[in-house]
Protein backbone atom coordinates (compact mmCIF):
# COMPACT_ATOMS: atom_id res chain seq x y z
CA MET A 1 121.48 105.18 80.05
CA ASP A 2 121.63 108.94 79.36
CA VAL A 3 119.20 110.96 81.57
CA ASP A 4 117.84 114.50 80.78
CA LEU A 5 118.39 116.17 84.14
CA GLU A 6 116.88 119.61 82.84
CA VAL A 7 113.30 117.38 82.75
CA GLU A 8 111.10 119.18 85.50
CA ILE A 9 110.29 116.00 87.71
CA LYS A 10 106.91 115.71 89.77
CA ILE A 11 107.29 113.75 93.16
CA SER A 12 104.75 113.62 95.67
CA CYS A 13 105.73 114.25 99.36
CA ARG A 14 105.38 110.55 100.03
CA GLU A 15 107.58 109.28 97.70
CA LEU A 16 110.34 111.86 98.92
CA GLY A 17 109.36 110.00 101.71
CA VAL A 18 110.62 107.31 100.67
CA LEU A 19 113.72 108.43 99.05
CA LEU A 20 114.55 109.94 102.29
CA PHE A 21 114.02 106.86 104.18
CA HIS A 22 116.36 104.75 101.94
CA GLU A 23 118.93 107.51 102.31
CA PHE A 24 118.83 106.69 106.14
CA ARG A 25 118.74 103.18 105.87
CA LEU A 26 121.97 103.34 104.06
CA GLY A 27 123.38 105.55 107.19
CA ARG A 28 124.10 108.42 104.54
CA LYS A 29 124.20 112.18 106.63
CA GLY A 30 122.47 114.89 106.10
CA THR A 31 124.13 116.73 103.48
CA GLU A 32 124.61 113.67 101.58
CA ALA A 33 121.53 113.04 101.38
CA THR A 34 120.38 116.22 99.88
CA GLY A 35 122.92 116.07 97.59
CA ASN A 36 121.61 112.72 95.95
CA ILE A 37 118.27 113.56 95.86
CA CYS A 38 118.78 117.01 94.47
CA GLY A 39 120.89 115.60 92.04
CA THR A 40 118.42 113.51 90.60
CA MET A 41 115.20 115.21 91.14
CA GLY A 42 116.04 119.17 91.10
CA GLU A 43 117.58 121.56 92.91
CA ASP A 44 114.91 122.88 95.04
CA VAL A 45 113.01 119.33 95.49
CA LEU A 46 114.43 119.69 99.05
CA SER A 47 116.19 121.48 101.78
CA ILE A 48 119.22 120.07 103.95
CA ARG A 49 117.45 121.61 107.22
CA THR A 50 113.95 119.26 105.90
CA VAL A 51 116.32 116.18 105.54
CA GLN A 52 117.77 117.06 108.74
CA TYR A 53 114.33 116.95 110.17
CA CYS A 54 113.00 113.88 108.68
CA PHE A 55 116.58 111.65 109.89
CA GLN A 56 115.82 112.88 113.15
CA GLN A 57 112.32 111.67 113.22
CA PHE A 58 113.46 108.25 111.53
CA LYS A 59 116.11 108.05 114.56
CA ASN A 60 113.45 108.71 116.71
CA GLY A 61 111.48 105.86 115.47
CA ASN A 62 109.16 107.34 113.50
CA PHE A 63 108.73 105.98 110.36
CA GLU A 64 105.73 107.40 109.30
CA LEU A 65 105.87 108.62 105.64
CA ASP A 66 103.02 110.83 104.79
CA ASP A 67 102.76 114.01 105.50
CA LEU A 68 100.26 114.63 109.38
CA PRO A 69 97.44 117.39 109.14
CA ARG A 70 99.22 120.40 110.40
CA SER A 71 97.13 123.27 111.62
CA ARG A 72 96.79 126.46 109.60
CA ARG A 73 94.63 129.13 107.79
CA PRO A 74 91.86 127.72 106.36
CA ALA A 75 92.41 127.67 102.63
CA GLU A 76 89.22 129.46 101.96
CA VAL A 77 87.39 132.53 103.54
CA ASP A 78 83.46 132.10 103.77
CA MET A 79 82.51 135.39 103.47
CA ASP A 80 79.06 135.24 105.05
CA VAL A 81 80.54 134.09 108.20
CA LEU A 82 83.29 137.16 108.23
CA LYS A 83 79.89 139.39 107.35
CA ARG A 84 78.45 138.10 110.68
CA ILE A 85 81.60 138.73 112.29
């Protein structure tokens, strides 16, 4: 079976988490897991630092695969509120 690695693959964060958990359960190191996933899904899919962070979470017993809510700036600015300020 020939696989076209030039095809751009869209992958969700949850799907990426499943792949990372799979690599973790197989006992892979972060660099090896990064190479495996980036080799099949695309070079810019994830970084070694992200894999290390996720593996540390798994080691600590946190197996949550969905992104947790983060505090960050609102995506849009309410101009009326901005003018009142």
